[in-house]
């Protein structure tokens, strides 16, 4: 491991002391009507760094977090845990009880001409998702026990992010930003699905994850960005290989891949991005294949008197270089919180799948079919303990596929998930 990695990890660990002194607010932020925090301007939203990597959502997006002030550091902590029970129909359907979860401690302080932010994101999914996967019909991506995962989703690594960010405010409307991470999220795609507010109550990965935002856990990431008023330009270098099956360690590699992203925020409730990346050897089972990925998304957030409404439409396209067939994934999702204690959400996906879905090595990897997934869910929250939102919810997903896949998946494949959710919240939220 090179010198900068242990040095950065030491900085992150030593800058995150215990949360001890309650803090009434955070500079340049407003209280959201239903609780949580939101920024006033695009520049302030970037400086808050409340999500993974350097990506941002609409300015009006509320952020659930605990905050305190300790020896000149502004400390923040947010995270969530879902305990899920899933049942899926058809010959390939699976049943399982598992947990998806993450926690993100972070700290900020003034340093020189700018603001330093150190942040880490941890997940216990290597322990709470047994057998290196959970069931999800028509999902593909990464490996388990040396084989491609088909009809399942891999767990996240213990270390999802270890990063330092430095922002220099050149003027009221101009910001220069730097991001360095042994494990982090390069400038490609929108905010990844575990952190998008429009997907906040859905505990499962999107089917288009590996066409849209799978780089949110990457090794050796460096990003530079410049923001002026409503426009932000970013460029990243990173290691392109996806995390290996050892989910407890920190992967590493050469800076062999790169990406660029433009983000536009025309109003407090809107944001959009377009990004592209050249990814070298992302898949361990196809080490000689590089990929070109493009994504575009638009997000909308609307604060409500006793809740919030967040939506995202997203397109991702991935093509293996040297092959003419691209693979596309389309998504539309929306989550509404109303009457303070109720959530309803929906997600529609239309995603290309390859012959990898057949699990036949002799078939190669080419276009096989386009499949659809339609999800809807409801959750009711309860006050159980302070500083946490506890909820009970359930969702159902109906899948559509070509007739030739009926022998493998049945006539009408369906999945149902019931869950208990715990999400950290600040005082008064």
Protein backbone atom coordinates (compact mmCIF):
# COMPACT_ATOMS: atom_id res chain seq x y z
CA UNK A 1 0.00 0.00 0.00
CA UNK A 2 1.44 3.32 -0.99
CA UNK A 3 2.20 6.04 1.54
CA UNK A 4 -0.75 8.30 0.79
CA UNK A 5 -3.30 5.62 1.65
CA UNK A 6 -2.32 4.99 5.31
CA UNK A 7 -1.72 8.72 5.77
CA UNK A 8 -5.22 9.56 4.55
CA UNK A 9 -6.81 6.77 6.58
CA UNK A 10 -5.00 8.01 9.69
CA UNK A 11 -6.32 11.53 9.04
CA UNK A 12 -9.89 10.25 8.65
CA UNK A 13 -9.77 8.14 11.82
CA UNK A 14 -8.17 10.78 14.03
CA UNK A 15 -10.56 13.48 12.80
CA UNK A 16 -13.66 11.55 13.87
CA UNK A 17 -13.77 11.70 17.68
CA UNK A 18 -16.89 10.83 19.61
CA UNK A 19 -19.98 13.01 19.24
CA UNK A 20 -20.12 14.91 22.48
CA UNK A 21 -21.53 18.43 22.30
CA UNK A 22 -24.91 19.11 20.76
CA UNK A 23 -24.92 21.75 18.07
CA UNK A 24 -28.05 23.72 17.20
CA UNK A 25 -27.33 24.18 13.51
CA UNK A 26 -24.84 24.14 10.71
CA UNK A 27 -23.51 27.25 8.94
CA UNK A 28 -25.17 28.19 5.66
CA UNK A 29 -27.91 25.59 6.01
CA UNK A 30 -31.66 25.73 6.63
CA UNK A 31 -33.96 23.42 8.53
CA UNK A 32 -36.17 21.48 6.17
CA UNK A 33 -39.91 21.71 6.98
CA UNK A 34 -40.10 18.07 8.12
CA UNK A 35 -36.70 18.04 9.80
CA UNK A 36 -33.25 17.54 8.34
CA UNK A 37 -30.92 19.99 6.68
CA UNK A 38 -30.81 21.64 3.26
CA UNK A 39 -28.47 24.16 1.68
CA UNK A 40 -29.20 27.64 0.30
CA UNK A 41 -27.06 27.57 -2.87
CA UNK A 42 -25.40 25.05 -5.16
CA UNK A 43 -21.97 25.95 -3.79
CA UNK A 44 -23.17 25.36 -0.22
CA UNK A 45 -24.74 22.02 -1.18
CA UNK A 46 -21.37 20.90 -2.54
CA UNK A 47 -19.51 22.09 0.58
CA UNK A 48 -21.86 20.06 2.80
CA UNK A 49 -20.66 16.79 1.20
CA UNK A 50 -23.58 14.87 2.64
CA UNK A 51 -23.48 12.04 0.10
CA UNK A 52 -20.84 9.70 -1.30
CA UNK A 53 -18.07 10.93 -3.55
CA UNK A 54 -18.47 14.44 -4.92
CA UNK A 55 -22.00 14.04 -6.30
CA UNK A 56 -24.92 16.23 -5.23
CA UNK A 57 -28.71 16.15 -5.25
CA UNK A 58 -31.09 19.12 -5.63
CA UNK A 59 -30.33 21.95 -3.21
CA UNK A 60 -33.65 21.52 -1.38
CA UNK A 61 -32.94 17.85 -0.53
CA UNK A 62 -33.12 17.25 3.25
CA UNK A 63 -30.34 15.30 4.95
CA UNK A 64 -30.99 13.16 8.00
CA UNK A 65 -27.95 13.38 10.28
CA UNK A 66 -26.65 13.78 13.80
CA UNK A 67 -24.39 16.81 14.33
CA UNK A 68 -22.10 18.11 17.05
CA UNK A 69 -19.17 20.49 17.54
CA UNK A 70 -15.92 19.23 19.09
CA UNK A 71 -12.63 21.13 19.32
CA UNK A 72 -13.16 23.12 16.16
CA UNK A 73 -14.46 20.17 14.15
CA UNK A 74 -18.03 20.03 12.90
CA UNK A 75 -18.98 16.36 13.22
CA UNK A 76 -21.79 14.63 11.37
CA UNK A 77 -23.08 11.08 11.42
CA UNK A 78 -25.74 9.49 9.30
CA UNK A 79 -26.59 5.97 8.26
CA UNK A 80 -29.30 3.37 8.00
CA UNK A 81 -30.04 -0.31 8.45
CA UNK A 82 -32.65 -2.46 6.73
CA UNK A 83 -33.51 -5.93 8.03
CA UNK A 84 -35.15 -7.60 5.03
CA UNK A 85 -37.12 -10.77 4.37
CA UNK A 86 -37.46 -11.47 0.64
CA UNK A 87 -39.48 -14.06 -1.26
CA UNK A 88 -39.44 -14.45 -5.04
CA UNK A 89 -41.53 -16.68 -7.26
CA UNK A 90 -40.62 -18.92 -10.19
CA UNK A 91 -37.94 -21.58 -10.78
CA UNK A 92 -35.16 -19.07 -10.11
CA UNK A 93 -36.82 -17.27 -7.23
CA UNK A 94 -35.11 -17.25 -3.85
CA UNK A 95 -35.95 -16.57 -0.21
CA UNK A 96 -33.67 -14.97 2.34
CA UNK A 97 -33.42 -12.86 5.48
CA UNK A 98 -30.55 -10.38 5.30
CA UNK A 99 -29.56 -6.81 6.14
CA UNK A 100 -28.48 -3.97 3.86
CA UNK A 101 -26.79 -1.18 5.82
CA UNK A 102 -24.22 1.62 5.90
CA UNK A 103 -23.00 4.31 8.28
CA UNK A 104 -21.15 7.50 7.38
CA UNK A 105 -19.19 9.52 9.97
CA UNK A 106 -17.64 12.76 8.69
CA UNK A 107 -15.90 15.85 10.03
CA UNK A 108 -15.28 19.36 8.69
CA UNK A 109 -13.18 22.34 9.70
CA UNK A 110 -11.56 25.43 8.19
CA UNK A 111 -8.00 24.83 7.05
CA UNK A 112 -5.93 27.48 5.32
CA UNK A 113 -7.90 29.21 2.56
CA UNK A 114 -10.54 26.48 2.39
CA UNK A 115 -12.54 23.79 4.18
CA UNK A 116 -11.31 20.29 4.87
CA UNK A 117 -13.80 17.41 5.04
CA UNK A 118 -12.81 13.88 6.02
CA UNK A 119 -15.32 11.11 5.62
CA UNK A 120 -15.63 7.36 5.77
CA UNK A 121 -18.50 5.05 4.93
CA UNK A 122 -18.73 1.57 6.42
CA UNK A 123 -21.05 -1.37 5.83
CA UNK A 124 -21.49 -4.66 7.69
CA UNK A 125 -23.04 -6.32 4.64
CA UNK A 126 -20.10 -8.76 4.32
CA UNK A 127 -21.50 -10.29 7.54
CA UNK A 128 -25.22 -9.53 7.17
CA UNK A 129 -25.52 -10.78 3.54
CA UNK A 130 -24.50 -14.42 3.78
CA UNK A 131 -23.22 -16.55 0.88
CA UNK A 132 -21.91 -13.34 -0.75
CA UNK A 133 -25.27 -12.45 -2.34
CA UNK A 134 -28.96 -11.90 -1.78
CA UNK A 135 -31.72 -12.98 -4.22
CA UNK A 136 -32.83 -10.50 -6.88
CA UNK A 137 -34.39 -11.80 -10.09
CA UNK A 138 -32.70 -10.74 -13.36
CA UNK A 139 -29.82 -9.05 -11.54
CA UNK A 140 -26.23 -9.64 -12.71
CA UNK A 141 -22.84 -8.24 -11.75
CA UNK A 142 -19.59 -9.20 -9.97
CA UNK A 143 -18.81 -12.69 -8.68
CA UNK A 144 -19.38 -15.04 -5.75
CA UNK A 145 -17.11 -18.06 -5.13
CA UNK A 146 -15.45 -17.48 -8.50
CA UNK A 147 -18.65 -17.52 -10.56
CA UNK A 148 -20.70 -14.70 -12.03
CA UNK A 149 -23.61 -13.65 -9.82
CA UNK A 150 -26.89 -14.22 -11.66
CA UNK A 151 -30.31 -13.46 -10.15
CA UNK A 152 -28.61 -11.98 -7.12
CA UNK A 153 -26.91 -8.88 -5.74
CA UNK A 154 -23.49 -8.79 -4.08
CA UNK A 155 -22.94 -7.13 -0.67
CA UNK A 156 -21.00 -3.88 -0.35
CA UNK A 157 -17.48 -3.82 1.05
CA UNK A 158 -16.81 -3.03 4.71
CA UNK A 159 -14.98 0.08 3.50
CA UNK A 160 -17.28 1.78 1.02
CA UNK A 161 -15.43 5.09 1.25
CA UNK A 162 -12.36 6.60 2.94
CA UNK A 163 -11.90 10.11 1.62
CA UNK A 164 -10.61 13.62 2.16
CA UNK A 165 -12.17 16.60 0.41
CA UNK A 166 -10.87 20.15 0.22
CA UNK A 167 -12.90 23.13 -1.03
CA UNK A 168 -11.59 26.61 -1.77
CA UNK A 169 -14.26 29.27 -2.17
CA UNK A 170 -12.96 31.66 -4.84
CA UNK A 171 -16.02 33.91 -4.57
CA UNK A 172 -19.65 33.69 -3.52
CA UNK A 173 -20.47 31.79 -6.72
CA UNK A 174 -17.18 29.99 -7.50
CA UNK A 175 -15.72 26.92 -5.81
CA UNK A 176 -12.62 24.84 -6.47
CA UNK A 177 -12.81 21.28 -5.07
CA UNK A 178 -10.46 18.33 -4.64
CA UNK A 179 -11.25 14.74 -3.62
CA UNK A 180 -8.82 11.92 -2.77
CA UNK A 181 -9.84 8.45 -1.62
CA UNK A 182 -8.18 5.05 -1.25
CA UNK A 183 -11.79 3.86 -1.57
CA UNK A 184 -14.29 6.26 -3.04
CA UNK A 185 -16.69 7.39 -5.73
CA UNK A 186 -15.36 8.96 -8.95
CA UNK A 187 -17.23 11.55 -11.04
CA UNK A 188 -19.43 9.17 -13.01
CA UNK A 189 -23.18 8.84 -12.75
CA UNK A 190 -25.69 10.32 -10.34
CA UNK A 191 -25.67 9.69 -6.60
CA UNK A 192 -25.62 5.91 -6.22
CA UNK A 193 -28.86 4.17 -5.34
CA UNK A 194 -28.09 3.57 -1.60
CA UNK A 195 -27.87 7.35 -1.08
CA UNK A 196 -30.47 8.80 -3.47
CA UNK A 197 -33.40 10.27 -1.59
CA UNK A 198 -35.71 9.16 -4.43
CA UNK A 199 -34.69 5.55 -3.59
CA UNK A 200 -34.37 6.00 0.18
CA UNK A 201 -36.99 3.41 1.23
CA UNK A 202 -36.20 0.69 -1.33
CA UNK A 203 -33.71 -1.74 0.28
CA UNK A 204 -32.76 -3.52 -2.97
CA UNK A 205 -30.27 -2.61 -5.68
CA UNK A 206 -31.50 -1.33 -9.01
CA UNK A 207 -31.34 -3.79 -11.92
CA UNK A 208 -29.38 -1.19 -13.88
CA UNK A 209 -26.77 -0.77 -11.13
CA UNK A 210 -23.88 -2.10 -13.23
CA UNK A 211 -24.88 0.08 -16.17
CA UNK A 212 -25.34 3.28 -14.16
CA UNK A 213 -23.62 3.72 -10.78
CA UNK A 214 -21.59 0.61 -9.86
CA UNK A 215 -18.38 2.68 -9.66
CA UNK A 216 -19.53 4.22 -6.36
CA UNK A 217 -17.08 1.87 -4.61
CA UNK A 218 -13.79 2.22 -6.52
CA UNK A 219 -10.12 2.14 -5.54
CA UNK A 220 -7.62 5.01 -5.68
CA UNK A 221 -9.87 7.88 -6.69
CA UNK A 222 -8.71 11.43 -7.41
CA UNK A 223 -11.20 14.11 -8.50
CA UNK A 224 -10.91 17.79 -9.26
CA UNK A 225 -13.91 20.05 -9.77
CA UNK A 226 -14.83 23.65 -10.49
CA UNK A 227 -18.25 25.18 -9.78
CA UNK A 228 -19.60 28.49 -10.96
CA UNK A 229 -23.17 29.45 -10.06
CA UNK A 230 -25.35 26.61 -11.36
CA UNK A 231 -22.74 24.61 -13.32
CA UNK A 232 -20.09 22.19 -12.07
CA UNK A 233 -17.35 20.44 -14.08
CA UNK A 234 -15.41 17.47 -12.67
CA UNK A 235 -12.76 15.00 -13.83
CA UNK A 236 -11.55 11.84 -12.06
CA UNK A 237 -8.81 9.26 -12.29
CA UNK A 238 -9.34 5.91 -10.56
CA UNK A 239 -8.63 2.18 -10.64
CA UNK A 240 -11.25 0.49 -12.82
CA UNK A 241 -11.39 -3.03 -11.38
CA UNK A 242 -14.54 -3.76 -9.37
CA UNK A 243 -14.10 -4.83 -5.72
CA UNK A 244 -13.06 -8.45 -5.29
CA UNK A 245 -14.90 -11.07 -3.25
CA UNK A 246 -12.94 -10.30 -0.09
CA UNK A 247 -15.33 -7.66 1.20
CA UNK A 248 -13.34 -6.97 4.38
CA UNK A 249 -10.16 -5.54 2.85
CA UNK A 250 -9.18 -2.41 0.91
CA UNK A 251 -8.56 -3.05 -2.78
CA UNK A 252 -5.89 -1.13 -4.65
CA UNK A 253 -4.46 -0.70 -8.11
CA UNK A 254 -3.06 1.68 -10.67
CA UNK A 255 -4.85 4.81 -11.90
CA UNK A 256 -5.93 3.29 -15.21
CA UNK A 257 -9.44 4.69 -15.69
CA UNK A 258 -10.90 8.18 -16.01
CA UNK A 259 -14.22 9.99 -16.09
CA UNK A 260 -15.77 13.42 -16.50
CA UNK A 261 -19.09 14.86 -15.36
CA UNK A 262 -21.08 18.04 -15.81
CA UNK A 263 -23.75 18.87 -13.24
CA UNK A 264 -26.33 21.62 -13.70
CA UNK A 265 -28.61 22.94 -10.95
CA UNK A 266 -30.97 25.50 -12.52
CA UNK A 267 -33.18 25.84 -9.40
CA UNK A 268 -33.27 24.66 -5.77
CA UNK A 269 -35.57 21.73 -6.58
CA UNK A 270 -33.79 20.49 -9.72
CA UNK A 271 -30.44 18.93 -10.65
CA UNK A 272 -29.14 17.11 -13.70
CA UNK A 273 -25.90 15.47 -14.75
CA UNK A 274 -24.23 13.93 -17.78
CA UNK A 275 -21.07 11.86 -17.36
CA UNK A 276 -18.80 9.49 -19.25
CA UNK A 277 -16.03 7.12 -18.19
CA UNK A 278 -13.41 4.85 -19.71
CA UNK A 279 -13.13 1.89 -17.31
CA UNK A 280 -10.19 -0.49 -17.66
CA UNK A 281 -10.75 -4.18 -16.90
CA UNK A 282 -13.69 -3.77 -14.50
CA UNK A 283 -14.66 -7.46 -14.36
CA UNK A 284 -12.38 -10.12 -12.90
CA UNK A 285 -13.92 -12.79 -15.15
CA UNK A 286 -13.14 -10.71 -18.27
CA UNK A 287 -9.82 -9.02 -17.40
CA UNK A 288 -8.98 -8.08 -21.01
CA UNK A 289 -12.21 -6.16 -21.62
CA UNK A 290 -12.49 -2.40 -21.09
CA UNK A 291 -15.75 -0.49 -20.96
CA UNK A 292 -17.10 2.87 -22.02
CA UNK A 293 -19.95 4.10 -19.83
CA UNK A 294 -22.23 7.10 -20.24
CA UNK A 295 -24.99 8.22 -17.89
CA UNK A 296 -27.52 11.04 -17.76
CA UNK A 297 -30.02 11.83 -15.01
CA UNK A 298 -32.45 14.46 -13.80
CA UNK A 299 -33.58 14.70 -10.17
CA UNK A 300 -36.43 16.67 -8.67
CA UNK A 301 -37.05 17.33 -4.97
CA UNK A 302 -40.04 19.18 -3.53
CA UNK A 303 -40.35 19.93 0.19
CA UNK A 304 -43.89 19.39 1.51
CA UNK A 305 -45.47 20.87 4.67
CA UNK A 306 -45.22 17.54 6.49
CA UNK A 307 -42.94 15.58 4.22
CA UNK A 308 -40.98 15.54 1.00
CA UNK A 309 -41.25 14.35 -2.61
CA UNK A 310 -38.16 13.20 -4.51
CA UNK A 311 -37.89 11.74 -8.02
CA UNK A 312 -35.14 10.67 -10.42
CA UNK A 313 -35.05 9.61 -14.06
CA UNK A 314 -31.82 7.93 -15.11
CA UNK A 315 -30.21 6.44 -18.20
CA UNK A 316 -27.01 4.43 -18.22
CA UNK A 317 -25.23 2.89 -21.20
CA UNK A 318 -22.24 0.57 -21.03
CA UNK A 319 -20.36 -0.83 -24.01
CA UNK A 320 -17.43 -3.23 -23.97
CA UNK A 321 -14.75 -1.71 -26.20
CA UNK A 322 -14.19 -3.74 -29.34
CA UNK A 323 -17.81 -4.88 -29.35
CA UNK A 324 -20.60 -3.07 -31.17
CA UNK A 325 -23.47 -4.00 -28.85
CA UNK A 326 -24.12 -1.48 -26.05
CA UNK A 327 -26.28 -2.28 -23.03
CA UNK A 328 -28.77 0.30 -21.77
CA UNK A 329 -30.61 0.72 -18.51
CA UNK A 330 -33.51 3.12 -17.96
CA UNK A 331 -34.99 4.00 -14.58
CA UNK A 332 -37.71 6.23 -13.13
CA UNK A 333 -38.26 6.29 -9.36
CA UNK A 334 -40.11 8.46 -6.87
CA UNK A 335 -40.54 8.51 -3.09
CA UNK A 336 -43.10 10.61 -1.21
CA UNK A 337 -43.05 11.18 2.53
CA UNK A 338 -46.38 12.54 3.78
CA UNK A 339 -48.13 13.23 7.08
CA UNK A 340 -44.71 12.93 8.78
CA UNK A 341 -44.84 9.17 9.31
CA UNK A 342 -45.74 7.65 5.93
CA UNK A 343 -43.72 6.76 2.82
CA UNK A 344 -44.91 5.52 -0.57
CA UNK A 345 -42.57 4.85 -3.45
CA UNK A 346 -42.34 3.37 -6.90
CA UNK A 347 -39.65 2.38 -9.36
CA UNK A 348 -39.84 1.38 -13.02
CA UNK A 349 -36.84 -0.12 -14.82
CA UNK A 350 -36.20 -1.22 -18.41
CA UNK A 351 -32.82 -2.94 -18.63
CA UNK A 352 -30.80 -4.88 -21.21
CA UNK A 353 -29.50 -8.26 -20.10
CA UNK A 354 -26.76 -10.34 -21.69
CA UNK A 355 -26.42 -14.06 -22.33
CA UNK A 356 -24.71 -14.16 -18.94
CA UNK A 357 -28.26 -14.54 -17.61
CA UNK A 358 -28.37 -18.05 -19.15
CA UNK A 359 -25.35 -19.17 -17.08
CA UNK A 360 -23.97 -21.04 -20.09
CA UNK A 361 -20.21 -20.45 -20.53
CA UNK A 362 -20.40 -21.56 -24.18
CA UNK A 363 -22.96 -18.85 -24.95
CA UNK A 364 -20.39 -16.05 -24.68
CA UNK A 365 -21.64 -12.64 -23.62
CA UNK A 366 -23.91 -10.85 -26.07
CA UNK A 367 -27.32 -9.22 -25.97
CA UNK A 368 -30.05 -11.58 -24.77
CA UNK A 369 -33.17 -9.64 -23.85
CA UNK A 370 -34.64 -6.53 -22.33
CA UNK A 371 -36.47 -7.02 -19.02
CA UNK A 372 -38.70 -4.73 -16.97
CA UNK A 373 -39.29 -4.37 -13.24
CA UNK A 374 -42.19 -2.49 -11.60
CA UNK A 375 -41.92 -1.85 -7.85
CA UNK A 376 -44.25 -0.18 -5.38
CA UNK A 377 -44.08 0.00 -1.60
CA UNK A 378 -45.39 1.54 1.61
CA UNK A 379 -43.79 2.21 5.00
CA UNK A 380 -45.03 3.54 8.32
CA UNK A 381 -42.55 5.03 10.79
CA UNK A 382 -42.68 4.97 14.59
CA UNK A 383 -40.92 6.81 17.40
CA UNK A 384 -39.04 4.10 19.27
CA UNK A 385 -35.76 5.74 20.30
CA UNK A 386 -34.43 9.28 20.04
CA UNK A 387 -32.15 10.19 17.14
CA UNK A 388 -33.54 7.41 14.94
CA UNK A 389 -36.43 6.93 12.55
CA UNK A 390 -37.82 3.39 12.82
CA UNK A 391 -40.13 2.06 10.14
CA UNK A 392 -41.95 -1.08 9.05
CA UNK A 393 -42.57 -1.46 5.34
CA UNK A 394 -43.06 -3.77 2.41
CA UNK A 395 -42.77 -3.64 -1.36
CA UNK A 396 -43.70 -5.83 -4.31
CA UNK A 397 -41.93 -6.07 -7.66
CA UNK A 398 -43.50 -7.45 -10.84
CA UNK A 399 -41.16 -8.48 -13.66
CA UNK A 400 -41.78 -8.64 -17.40
CA UNK A 401 -39.59 -10.59 -19.83
CA UNK A 402 -39.69 -12.21 -23.29
CA UNK A 403 -41.63 -15.44 -23.62
CA UNK A 404 -38.51 -17.54 -24.30
CA UNK A 405 -37.39 -16.90 -20.70
CA UNK A 406 -40.63 -18.34 -19.25
CA UNK A 407 -39.15 -21.85 -18.70
CA UNK A 408 -36.43 -20.28 -16.53
CA UNK A 409 -38.49 -17.66 -14.67
CA UNK A 410 -42.13 -18.73 -14.86
CA UNK A 411 -45.07 -16.89 -16.37
CA UNK A 412 -45.24 -13.97 -13.96
CA UNK A 413 -42.11 -13.68 -11.78
CA UNK A 414 -42.71 -11.60 -8.68
CA UNK A 415 -40.74 -10.55 -5.63
CA UNK A 416 -41.93 -9.37 -2.21
CA UNK A 417 -39.82 -7.76 0.51
CA UNK A 418 -40.86 -6.92 4.08
CA UNK A 419 -38.44 -4.92 6.20
CA UNK A 420 -37.61 -3.13 9.43
CA UNK A 421 -35.71 0.13 8.89
CA UNK A 422 -33.65 2.21 11.33
CA UNK A 423 -32.23 5.54 10.13
CA UNK A 424 -30.16 7.94 12.22
CA UNK A 425 -31.62 11.43 12.64
CA UNK A 426 -30.63 14.69 14.27
CA UNK A 427 -32.23 16.26 17.33
CA UNK A 428 -35.70 17.60 16.56
CA UNK A 429 -36.04 15.65 13.29
